[in-house]
Amino acid sequence: MPTVLAVVALLVALASLGAAAVAVRRTQRRSDGSDLPSDLLGLRREVAALRAEAGDGLRHVAVVRYDAFGDSGGQLSWSLALLDDRGDGVVLSSIHGRSEARTYAKNVAAWTSDQQLSPEETEAVGRAKP
């Protein structure tokens, strides 16, 4: 019986040694001196690429509702800022009056616009800014 246990222990030790050897082969030395498995390095590159792509998404959004005219209520007018991480995007505004509604779009670059923004549009851009 002790011989069987010794053989089993030896087999477990050899299997552990084999797994360790595989892990060592899959490990690369980084420039900062730390070791990481090669698949982790690839995963980090993929995460960095996804973060770069996500920066172009319109992730900064804000809506400001207001009464454009003193004789109307219900805050039916609104300005909507849709911006990416660099502050590039658009501000959409819809001005509602008693008999009509008008909609405007203004480009935004680096959190500002070449076109004059209304106070409500400026507020929407400011609320969208992180």
C-alpha atoms as a PDB file:
ATOM      1  CA  MET A   1       0.000   0.000   0.000  1.00  0.00           C
ATOM      2  CA  PRO A   2       2.742   2.558   0.814  1.00  0.00           C
ATOM      3  CA  THR A   3       4.306   1.766  -2.564  1.00  0.00           C
ATOM      4  CA  VAL A   4       1.043   2.606  -4.367  1.00  0.00           C
ATOM      5  CA  LEU A   5       0.795   5.924  -2.485  1.00  0.00           C
ATOM      6  CA  ALA A   6       4.393   6.729  -3.341  1.00  0.00           C
ATOM      7  CA  VAL A   7       3.755   6.026  -7.034  1.00  0.00           C
ATOM      8  CA  VAL A   8       0.584   8.174  -7.007  1.00  0.00           C
ATOM      9  CA  ALA A   9       2.478  10.993  -5.270  1.00  0.00           C
ATOM     10  CA  LEU A  10       5.260  10.713  -7.858  1.00  0.00           C
ATOM     11  CA  LEU A  11       2.724  10.887 -10.722  1.00  0.00           C
ATOM     12  CA  VAL A  12       1.054  13.954  -9.201  1.00  0.00           C
ATOM     13  CA  ALA A  13       4.455  15.608  -8.774  1.00  0.00           C
ATOM     14  CA  LEU A  14       5.376  14.868 -12.398  1.00  0.00           C
ATOM     15  CA  ALA A  15       2.027  16.233 -13.638  1.00  0.00           C
ATOM     16  CA  SER A  16       2.565  19.406 -11.609  1.00  0.00           C
ATOM     17  CA  LEU A  17       6.071  19.750 -13.026  1.00  0.00           C
ATOM     18  CA  GLY A  18       4.714  19.354 -16.559  1.00  0.00           C
ATOM     19  CA  ALA A  19       2.021  22.001 -15.965  1.00  0.00           C
ATOM     20  CA  ALA A  20       4.644  24.357 -14.536  1.00  0.00           C
ATOM     21  CA  ALA A  21       6.885  23.820 -17.566  1.00  0.00           C
ATOM     22  CA  VAL A  22       4.001  24.675 -19.918  1.00  0.00           C
ATOM     23  CA  ALA A  23       3.223  27.813 -17.901  1.00  0.00           C
ATOM     24  CA  VAL A  24       6.864  28.901 -18.016  1.00  0.00           C
ATOM     25  CA  ARG A  25       6.938  28.469 -21.783  1.00  0.00           C
ATOM     26  CA  ARG A  26       3.799  30.607 -22.149  1.00  0.00           C
ATOM     27  CA  THR A  27       5.273  33.422 -20.069  1.00  0.00           C
ATOM     28  CA  GLN A  28       7.055  36.411 -21.582  1.00  0.00           C
ATOM     29  CA  ARG A  29       9.264  38.981 -19.897  1.00  0.00           C
ATOM     30  CA  ARG A  30       7.809  42.510 -20.109  1.00  0.00           C
ATOM     31  CA  SER A  31       9.892  45.651 -20.377  1.00  0.00           C
ATOM     32  CA  ASP A  32       9.207  46.464 -16.719  1.00  0.00           C
ATOM     33  CA  GLY A  33      10.655  43.091 -15.664  1.00  0.00           C
ATOM     34  CA  SER A  34       7.368  41.392 -14.736  1.00  0.00           C
ATOM     35  CA  ASP A  35       6.187  38.149 -16.270  1.00  0.00           C
ATOM     36  CA  LEU A  36       2.803  37.733 -17.968  1.00  0.00           C
ATOM     37  CA  PRO A  37       1.403  34.858 -20.019  1.00  0.00           C
ATOM     38  CA  SER A  38       1.450  35.707 -23.723  1.00  0.00           C
ATOM     39  CA  ASP A  39      -2.319  35.444 -24.042  1.00  0.00           C
ATOM     40  CA  LEU A  40      -2.663  38.178 -21.411  1.00  0.00           C
ATOM     41  CA  LEU A  41      -0.482  40.507 -23.453  1.00  0.00           C
ATOM     42  CA  GLY A  42      -2.730  39.948 -26.455  1.00  0.00           C
ATOM     43  CA  LEU A  43      -5.774  40.582 -24.307  1.00  0.00           C
ATOM     44  CA  ARG A  44      -4.314  43.887 -23.093  1.00  0.00           C
ATOM     45  CA  ARG A  45      -3.690  44.968 -26.688  1.00  0.00           C
ATOM     46  CA  GLU A  46      -7.275  44.095 -27.583  1.00  0.00           C
ATOM     47  CA  VAL A  47      -8.632  46.073 -24.616  1.00  0.00           C
ATOM     48  CA  ALA A  48      -6.510  49.081 -25.625  1.00  0.00           C
ATOM     49  CA  ALA A  49      -7.852  48.881 -29.189  1.00  0.00           C
ATOM     50  CA  LEU A  50     -11.445  48.680 -27.928  1.00  0.00           C
ATOM     51  CA  ARG A  51     -10.908  51.698 -25.683  1.00  0.00           C
ATOM     52  CA  ALA A  52      -9.543  53.673 -28.628  1.00  0.00           C
ATOM     53  CA  GLU A  53     -12.581  52.752 -30.734  1.00  0.00           C
ATOM     54  CA  ALA A  54     -15.007  53.569 -27.918  1.00  0.00           C
ATOM     55  CA  GLY A  55     -13.612  57.110 -27.747  1.00  0.00           C
ATOM     56  CA  ASP A  56     -15.301  57.828 -31.084  1.00  0.00           C
ATOM     57  CA  GLY A  57     -18.714  56.822 -29.741  1.00  0.00           C
ATOM     58  CA  LEU A  58     -21.258  59.451 -28.775  1.00  0.00           C
ATOM     59  CA  ARG A  59     -21.054  58.659 -25.079  1.00  0.00           C
ATOM     60  CA  HIS A  60     -21.593  62.107 -23.575  1.00  0.00           C
ATOM     61  CA  VAL A  61     -25.275  62.946 -23.765  1.00  0.00           C
ATOM     62  CA  ALA A  62     -27.352  65.644 -22.070  1.00  0.00           C
ATOM     63  CA  VAL A  63     -30.824  67.100 -22.587  1.00  0.00           C
ATOM     64  CA  VAL A  64     -32.024  70.505 -21.432  1.00  0.00           C
ATOM     65  CA  ARG A  65     -35.794  71.139 -21.547  1.00  0.00           C
ATOM     66  CA  TYR A  66     -37.201  74.658 -21.394  1.00  0.00           C
ATOM     67  CA  ASP A  67     -39.980  77.027 -22.368  1.00  0.00           C
ATOM     68  CA  ALA A  68     -38.736  78.948 -25.393  1.00  0.00           C
ATOM     69  CA  PHE A  69     -41.500  81.554 -25.208  1.00  0.00           C
ATOM     70  CA  GLY A  70     -43.141  83.165 -22.212  1.00  0.00           C
ATOM     71  CA  ASP A  71     -46.666  82.406 -23.446  1.00  0.00           C
ATOM     72  CA  SER A  72     -46.173  78.624 -23.627  1.00  0.00           C
ATOM     73  CA  GLY A  73     -45.626  76.087 -20.879  1.00  0.00           C
ATOM     74  CA  GLY A  74     -44.773  72.450 -20.372  1.00  0.00           C
ATOM     75  CA  GLN A  75     -41.113  72.757 -21.333  1.00  0.00           C
ATOM     76  CA  LEU A  76     -41.750  71.414 -24.841  1.00  0.00           C
ATOM     77  CA  SER A  77     -38.547  72.923 -26.285  1.00  0.00           C
ATOM     78  CA  TRP A  78     -35.287  71.032 -25.816  1.00  0.00           C
ATOM     79  CA  SER A  79     -31.581  70.975 -26.650  1.00  0.00           C
ATOM     80  CA  LEU A  80     -29.739  67.673 -26.907  1.00  0.00           C
ATOM     81  CA  ALA A  81     -25.929  67.369 -26.910  1.00  0.00           C
ATOM     82  CA  LEU A  82     -24.444  64.167 -28.426  1.00  0.00           C
ATOM     83  CA  LEU A  83     -20.642  64.203 -28.032  1.00  0.00           C
ATOM     84  CA  ASP A  84     -17.681  61.806 -28.054  1.00  0.00           C
ATOM     85  CA  ASP A  85     -14.718  61.747 -25.644  1.00  0.00           C
ATOM     86  CA  ARG A  86     -13.001  64.615 -27.494  1.00  0.00           C
ATOM     87  CA  GLY A  87     -16.108  66.804 -27.276  1.00  0.00           C
ATOM     88  CA  ASP A  88     -16.907  66.394 -30.963  1.00  0.00           C
ATOM     89  CA  GLY A  89     -20.470  65.866 -32.090  1.00  0.00           C
ATOM     90  CA  VAL A  90     -23.690  67.808 -32.474  1.00  0.00           C
ATOM     91  CA  VAL A  91     -26.261  69.797 -30.530  1.00  0.00           C
ATOM     92  CA  LEU A  92     -29.852  69.339 -31.689  1.00  0.00           C
ATOM     93  CA  SER A  93     -32.500  71.830 -30.597  1.00  0.00           C
ATOM     94  CA  SER A  94     -36.236  71.848 -31.110  1.00  0.00           C
ATOM     95  CA  ILE A  95     -38.024  75.127 -30.395  1.00  0.00           C
ATOM     96  CA  HIS A  96     -41.776  74.711 -29.867  1.00  0.00           C
ATOM     97  CA  GLY A  97     -44.166  77.628 -30.208  1.00  0.00           C
ATOM     98  CA  ARG A  98     -47.943  77.759 -30.197  1.00  0.00           C
ATOM     99  CA  SER A  99     -48.380  77.076 -33.900  1.00  0.00           C
ATOM    100  CA  GLU A 100     -45.063  75.631 -35.063  1.00  0.00           C
ATOM    101  CA  ALA A 101     -41.863  73.878 -34.073  1.00  0.00           C
ATOM    102  CA  ARG A 102     -38.416  74.411 -35.540  1.00  0.00           C
ATOM    103  CA  THR A 103     -35.446  72.103 -35.258  1.00  0.00           C
ATOM    104  CA  TYR A 104     -31.786  73.103 -35.458  1.00  0.00           C
ATOM    105  CA  ALA A 105     -28.491  71.204 -35.557  1.00  0.00           C
ATOM    106  CA  LYS A 106     -25.111  72.732 -34.742  1.00  0.00           C
ATOM    107  CA  ASN A 107     -21.703  71.083 -34.996  1.00  0.00           C
ATOM    108  CA  VAL A 108     -19.535  70.906 -31.895  1.00  0.00           C
ATOM    109  CA  ALA A 109     -15.756  70.353 -31.905  1.00  0.00           C
ATOM    110  CA  ALA A 110     -13.638  70.188 -28.741  1.00  0.00           C
ATOM    111  CA  TRP A 111     -16.657  71.170 -26.607  1.00  0.00           C
ATOM    112  CA  THR A 112     -17.258  74.424 -28.553  1.00  0.00           C
ATOM    113  CA  SER A 113     -19.081  75.424 -31.731  1.00  0.00           C
ATOM    114  CA  ASP A 114     -18.218  77.772 -34.584  1.00  0.00           C
ATOM    115  CA  GLN A 115     -21.893  78.724 -34.617  1.00  0.00           C
ATOM    116  CA  GLN A 116     -23.268  80.720 -31.720  1.00  0.00           C
ATOM    117  CA  LEU A 117     -24.969  78.432 -29.198  1.00  0.00           C
ATOM    118  CA  SER A 118     -28.043  79.490 -27.282  1.00  0.00           C
ATOM    119  CA  PRO A 119     -27.788  79.486 -23.471  1.00  0.00           C
ATOM    120  CA  GLU A 120     -29.732  76.194 -23.404  1.00  0.00           C
ATOM    121  CA  GLU A 121     -27.433  74.604 -26.006  1.00  0.00           C
ATOM    122  CA  THR A 122     -24.405  75.787 -24.046  1.00  0.00           C
ATOM    123  CA  GLU A 123     -25.918  74.268 -20.905  1.00  0.00           C
ATOM    124  CA  ALA A 124     -26.504  70.940 -22.696  1.00  0.00           C
ATOM    125  CA  VAL A 125     -22.857  70.820 -23.846  1.00  0.00           C
ATOM    126  CA  GLY A 126     -21.731  71.698 -20.314  1.00  0.00           C
ATOM    127  CA  ARG A 127     -23.866  68.950 -18.776  1.00  0.00           C
ATOM    128  CA  ALA A 128     -22.526  66.411 -21.278  1.00  0.00           C
ATOM    129  CA  LYS A 129     -18.919  67.273 -20.476  1.00  0.00           C
ATOM    130  CA  PRO A 130     -17.383  64.839 -17.961  1.00  0.00           C
END
